[in-house]
Amino acid sequence: MLTASDASSALAVLASSPKVDLLFTDVGLPNEVDGRQLVNAARKRWPNLRVLFTTGYARTSLVHHSRLDLGIELIVKPFSEASLASRIRRILDGARAAA
């Protein structure tokens, strides 16, 4: 598992890592770049990057025409470690099945 404290650090971690299977980020991040902007920047370089967002706010900030963008998943806070682990497993297993 790789970690970063903000969007700029996350992009640097992604760039220095040979393979990242999933980006897990909050919608709201410190500093000037939010989670949505982070994902947009990351997907310019890694268009097939799987993403799991989390937020304590309404999901409407990520929904377009009643649907989440392709390859984007959302888990709303609060969540348990078990539900997070289950969601990550489902996303990663789905990515393998699609390959």
N, C-alpha and C. Protein backbone atom coordinates (compact mmCIF):
# COMPACT_ATOMS: atom_id res chain seq x y z
N MET A 1 0.84 -1.17 0.00
CA MET A 1 0.00 0.00 0.00
C MET A 1 0.89 1.24 0.00
N LEU A 2 0.56 2.17 -0.86
CA LEU A 2 1.26 3.44 -0.95
C LEU A 2 0.35 4.53 -0.40
N THR A 3 0.92 5.53 0.23
CA THR A 3 0.11 6.61 0.79
C THR A 3 0.66 7.97 0.39
N ALA A 4 -0.23 8.96 0.45
CA ALA A 4 0.15 10.34 0.16
C ALA A 4 -0.74 11.26 0.99
N SER A 5 -0.22 12.42 1.32
CA SER A 5 -0.95 13.35 2.19
C SER A 5 -1.83 14.33 1.42
N ASP A 6 -1.58 14.49 0.12
CA ASP A 6 -2.39 15.41 -0.68
C ASP A 6 -2.29 15.00 -2.15
N ALA A 7 -2.98 15.70 -3.02
CA ALA A 7 -3.04 15.33 -4.43
C ALA A 7 -1.68 15.39 -5.12
N SER A 8 -0.91 16.42 -4.85
CA SER A 8 0.41 16.54 -5.47
C SER A 8 1.31 15.38 -5.09
N SER A 9 1.29 15.02 -3.82
CA SER A 9 2.08 13.88 -3.35
C SER A 9 1.57 12.59 -3.97
N ALA A 10 0.26 12.46 -4.12
CA ALA A 10 -0.32 11.25 -4.71
C ALA A 10 0.13 11.09 -6.16
N LEU A 11 0.14 12.16 -6.91
CA LEU A 11 0.60 12.08 -8.30
C LEU A 11 2.07 11.69 -8.38
N ALA A 12 2.88 12.19 -7.45
CA ALA A 12 4.29 11.81 -7.41
C ALA A 12 4.45 10.33 -7.07
N VAL A 13 3.66 9.84 -6.13
CA VAL A 13 3.71 8.43 -5.76
C VAL A 13 3.29 7.57 -6.95
N LEU A 14 2.22 7.95 -7.63
CA LEU A 14 1.78 7.21 -8.81
C LEU A 14 2.87 7.16 -9.88
N ALA A 15 3.51 8.29 -10.11
CA ALA A 15 4.55 8.38 -11.15
C ALA A 15 5.77 7.52 -10.82
N SER A 16 6.04 7.33 -9.54
CA SER A 16 7.23 6.57 -9.15
C SER A 16 6.94 5.10 -8.89
N SER A 17 5.71 4.68 -9.07
CA SER A 17 5.33 3.30 -8.79
C SER A 17 5.13 2.53 -10.09
N PRO A 18 5.68 1.32 -10.16
CA PRO A 18 5.57 0.57 -11.41
C PRO A 18 4.14 0.17 -11.77
N LYS A 19 3.32 -0.13 -10.78
CA LYS A 19 1.95 -0.55 -11.07
C LYS A 19 1.07 -0.23 -9.88
N VAL A 20 0.02 0.50 -10.13
CA VAL A 20 -0.97 0.80 -9.09
C VAL A 20 -2.28 0.21 -9.57
N ASP A 21 -2.89 -0.63 -8.73
CA ASP A 21 -4.13 -1.30 -9.10
C ASP A 21 -5.36 -0.46 -8.81
N LEU A 22 -5.27 0.40 -7.80
CA LEU A 22 -6.44 1.16 -7.37
C LEU A 22 -6.01 2.44 -6.67
N LEU A 23 -6.68 3.52 -6.99
CA LEU A 23 -6.48 4.78 -6.28
C LEU A 23 -7.67 4.99 -5.36
N PHE A 24 -7.43 5.06 -4.06
CA PHE A 24 -8.46 5.31 -3.06
C PHE A 24 -8.24 6.71 -2.53
N THR A 25 -9.21 7.60 -2.74
CA THR A 25 -9.05 8.99 -2.34
C THR A 25 -10.35 9.57 -1.83
N ASP A 26 -10.22 10.52 -0.94
CA ASP A 26 -11.36 11.29 -0.49
C ASP A 26 -11.68 12.33 -1.56
N VAL A 27 -12.92 12.71 -1.65
CA VAL A 27 -13.29 13.79 -2.56
C VAL A 27 -12.65 15.09 -2.10
N GLY A 28 -12.71 15.34 -0.80
CA GLY A 28 -12.11 16.55 -0.24
C GLY A 28 -10.70 16.28 0.24
N LEU A 29 -9.74 16.98 -0.34
CA LEU A 29 -8.34 16.82 0.04
C LEU A 29 -7.77 18.16 0.49
N PRO A 30 -6.69 18.12 1.30
CA PRO A 30 -6.06 19.37 1.71
C PRO A 30 -5.38 20.07 0.54
N ASN A 31 -5.16 21.31 0.71
CA ASN A 31 -4.52 22.17 -0.30
C ASN A 31 -5.49 22.47 -1.43
N GLU A 32 -5.01 22.83 -2.58
CA GLU A 32 -5.88 23.39 -3.60
C GLU A 32 -6.46 22.39 -4.59
N VAL A 33 -5.96 21.17 -4.62
CA VAL A 33 -6.45 20.18 -5.56
C VAL A 33 -7.31 19.16 -4.82
N ASP A 34 -8.56 18.99 -5.28
CA ASP A 34 -9.44 18.04 -4.60
C ASP A 34 -9.32 16.65 -5.24
N GLY A 35 -10.03 15.69 -4.68
CA GLY A 35 -9.94 14.32 -5.16
C GLY A 35 -10.37 14.15 -6.59
N ARG A 36 -11.37 14.86 -6.99
CA ARG A 36 -11.85 14.78 -8.38
C ARG A 36 -10.77 15.28 -9.35
N GLN A 37 -10.12 16.38 -9.00
CA GLN A 37 -9.04 16.90 -9.83
C GLN A 37 -7.85 15.94 -9.85
N LEU A 38 -7.57 15.32 -8.72
CA LEU A 38 -6.51 14.32 -8.64
C LEU A 38 -6.79 13.19 -9.63
N VAL A 39 -8.00 12.67 -9.61
CA VAL A 39 -8.35 11.56 -10.50
C VAL A 39 -8.26 12.00 -11.96
N ASN A 40 -8.75 13.19 -12.28
CA ASN A 40 -8.66 13.68 -13.65
C ASN A 40 -7.21 13.77 -14.12
N ALA A 41 -6.32 14.26 -13.26
CA ALA A 41 -4.90 14.36 -13.62
C ALA A 41 -4.28 12.97 -13.75
N ALA A 42 -4.60 12.08 -12.83
CA ALA A 42 -4.04 10.73 -12.88
C ALA A 42 -4.51 9.98 -14.11
N ARG A 43 -5.74 10.16 -14.48
CA ARG A 43 -6.28 9.43 -15.64
C ARG A 43 -5.75 9.96 -16.97
N LYS A 44 -5.19 11.15 -16.99
CA LYS A 44 -4.54 11.61 -18.22
C LYS A 44 -3.35 10.73 -18.54
N ARG A 45 -2.67 10.29 -17.50
CA ARG A 45 -1.48 9.45 -17.69
C ARG A 45 -1.81 7.95 -17.62
N TRP A 46 -2.76 7.59 -16.77
CA TRP A 46 -3.17 6.20 -16.58
C TRP A 46 -4.68 6.11 -16.79
N PRO A 47 -5.14 6.07 -18.03
CA PRO A 47 -6.57 6.16 -18.33
C PRO A 47 -7.42 5.02 -17.77
N ASN A 48 -6.82 3.88 -17.52
CA ASN A 48 -7.58 2.73 -17.01
C ASN A 48 -7.47 2.56 -15.50
N LEU A 49 -6.95 3.55 -14.82
CA LEU A 49 -6.79 3.48 -13.37
C LEU A 49 -8.14 3.31 -12.69
N ARG A 50 -8.25 2.30 -11.85
CA ARG A 50 -9.47 2.08 -11.05
C ARG A 50 -9.45 3.07 -9.90
N VAL A 51 -10.63 3.59 -9.57
CA VAL A 51 -10.73 4.62 -8.53
C VAL A 51 -11.84 4.27 -7.56
N LEU A 52 -11.55 4.42 -6.28
CA LEU A 52 -12.56 4.33 -5.23
C LEU A 52 -12.50 5.64 -4.46
N PHE A 53 -13.58 6.40 -4.56
CA PHE A 53 -13.71 7.63 -3.81
C PHE A 53 -14.39 7.35 -2.48
N THR A 54 -14.10 8.20 -1.51
CA THR A 54 -14.87 8.22 -0.29
C THR A 54 -15.25 9.66 0.00
N THR A 55 -16.37 9.82 0.68
CA THR A 55 -16.82 11.15 1.07
C THR A 55 -17.83 11.02 2.20
N GLY A 56 -17.92 12.04 2.97
CA GLY A 56 -18.95 12.12 4.00
C GLY A 56 -20.11 12.96 3.54
N TYR A 57 -20.02 13.45 2.31
CA TYR A 57 -21.05 14.32 1.75
C TYR A 57 -21.91 13.54 0.77
N ALA A 58 -22.90 14.18 0.26
CA ALA A 58 -23.80 13.55 -0.70
C ALA A 58 -23.03 13.11 -1.93
N ARG A 59 -23.43 12.00 -2.49
CA ARG A 59 -22.76 11.45 -3.66
C ARG A 59 -22.95 12.29 -4.90
N THR A 60 -23.79 13.32 -4.86
CA THR A 60 -24.08 14.12 -6.05
C THR A 60 -22.86 14.82 -6.60
N SER A 61 -21.83 15.00 -5.81
CA SER A 61 -20.62 15.66 -6.32
C SER A 61 -19.87 14.80 -7.33
N LEU A 62 -20.18 13.51 -7.40
CA LEU A 62 -19.50 12.60 -8.32
C LEU A 62 -20.42 12.02 -9.38
N VAL A 63 -21.71 12.29 -9.26
CA VAL A 63 -22.68 11.65 -10.13
C VAL A 63 -23.03 12.57 -11.30
N HIS A 64 -23.06 11.99 -12.48
CA HIS A 64 -23.45 12.72 -13.68
C HIS A 64 -24.56 11.94 -14.37
N HIS A 65 -25.68 12.56 -14.58
CA HIS A 65 -26.83 11.90 -15.21
C HIS A 65 -27.21 10.63 -14.46
N SER A 66 -27.22 10.72 -13.13
CA SER A 66 -27.61 9.63 -12.22
C SER A 66 -26.65 8.44 -12.22
N ARG A 67 -25.44 8.61 -12.75
CA ARG A 67 -24.47 7.52 -12.78
C ARG A 67 -23.08 8.05 -12.41
N LEU A 68 -22.30 7.16 -11.79
CA LEU A 68 -20.90 7.48 -11.55
C LEU A 68 -20.14 7.31 -12.86
N ASP A 69 -19.07 8.04 -13.04
CA ASP A 69 -18.24 7.90 -14.23
C ASP A 69 -17.67 6.48 -14.31
N LEU A 70 -17.38 6.03 -15.51
CA LEU A 70 -16.83 4.70 -15.74
C LEU A 70 -15.54 4.51 -14.94
N GLY A 71 -15.45 3.38 -14.26
CA GLY A 71 -14.25 3.06 -13.49
C GLY A 71 -14.16 3.75 -12.15
N ILE A 72 -15.24 4.43 -11.76
CA ILE A 72 -15.26 5.15 -10.47
C ILE A 72 -16.25 4.46 -9.55
N GLU A 73 -15.83 4.20 -8.35
CA GLU A 73 -16.68 3.62 -7.31
C GLU A 73 -16.70 4.60 -6.15
N LEU A 74 -17.71 4.47 -5.31
CA LEU A 74 -17.87 5.37 -4.17
C LEU A 74 -18.27 4.58 -2.94
N ILE A 75 -17.61 4.88 -1.83
CA ILE A 75 -18.01 4.35 -0.53
C ILE A 75 -18.20 5.56 0.39
N VAL A 76 -19.38 5.65 0.97
CA VAL A 76 -19.74 6.82 1.77
C VAL A 76 -19.35 6.59 3.23
N LYS A 77 -18.78 7.63 3.83
CA LYS A 77 -18.41 7.59 5.25
C LYS A 77 -19.67 7.70 6.10
N PRO A 78 -19.67 7.12 7.25
CA PRO A 78 -18.65 6.23 7.81
C PRO A 78 -18.80 4.82 7.22
N PHE A 79 -17.69 4.11 7.15
CA PHE A 79 -17.71 2.73 6.67
C PHE A 79 -16.79 1.91 7.57
N SER A 80 -17.03 0.63 7.61
CA SER A 80 -16.19 -0.26 8.43
C SER A 80 -15.00 -0.74 7.61
N GLU A 81 -13.98 -1.22 8.29
CA GLU A 81 -12.83 -1.79 7.59
C GLU A 81 -13.27 -2.96 6.74
N ALA A 82 -14.20 -3.75 7.24
CA ALA A 82 -14.68 -4.91 6.49
C ALA A 82 -15.39 -4.49 5.21
N SER A 83 -16.21 -3.46 5.27
CA SER A 83 -16.91 -3.03 4.06
C SER A 83 -15.93 -2.40 3.06
N LEU A 84 -14.91 -1.69 3.55
CA LEU A 84 -13.88 -1.15 2.66
C LEU A 84 -13.10 -2.28 1.99
N ALA A 85 -12.69 -3.26 2.78
CA ALA A 85 -11.94 -4.39 2.23
C ALA A 85 -12.78 -5.14 1.20
N SER A 86 -14.05 -5.33 1.49
CA SER A 86 -14.94 -6.02 0.56
C SER A 86 -15.08 -5.25 -0.75
N ARG A 87 -15.24 -3.95 -0.65
CA ARG A 87 -15.39 -3.12 -1.84
C ARG A 87 -14.12 -3.14 -2.69
N ILE A 88 -12.97 -3.01 -2.04
CA ILE A 88 -11.70 -3.06 -2.77
C ILE A 88 -11.54 -4.41 -3.46
N ARG A 89 -11.84 -5.49 -2.76
CA ARG A 89 -11.73 -6.83 -3.35
C ARG A 89 -12.62 -6.95 -4.58
N ARG A 90 -13.85 -6.45 -4.49
CA ARG A 90 -14.80 -6.53 -5.60
C ARG A 90 -14.27 -5.74 -6.80
N ILE A 91 -13.74 -4.56 -6.55
CA ILE A 91 -13.20 -3.73 -7.63
C ILE A 91 -12.02 -4.43 -8.30
N LEU A 92 -11.10 -4.92 -7.50
CA LEU A 92 -9.90 -5.57 -8.06
C LEU A 92 -10.26 -6.87 -8.78
N ASP A 93 -11.18 -7.64 -8.23
CA ASP A 93 -11.61 -8.87 -8.90
C ASP A 93 -12.32 -8.55 -10.21
N GLY A 94 -13.10 -7.48 -10.23
CA GLY A 94 -13.77 -7.05 -11.46
C GLY A 94 -12.78 -6.61 -12.51
N ALA A 95 -11.71 -5.96 -12.08
CA ALA A 95 -10.68 -5.51 -13.03
C ALA A 95 -9.98 -6.72 -13.64
N ARG A 96 -9.75 -7.74 -12.85
CA ARG A 96 -9.09 -8.95 -13.37
C ARG A 96 -10.01 -9.70 -14.33
N ALA A 97 -11.30 -9.75 -14.01
CA ALA A 97 -12.26 -10.44 -14.88
C ALA A 97 -12.40 -9.75 -16.22
N ALA A 98 -12.26 -8.42 -16.22
CA ALA A 98 -12.40 -7.65 -17.45
C ALA A 98 -11.16 -7.75 -18.34
N ALA A 99 -10.03 -8.11 -17.73
CA ALA A 99 -8.75 -8.17 -18.49
C ALA A 99 -8.66 -9.38 -19.38
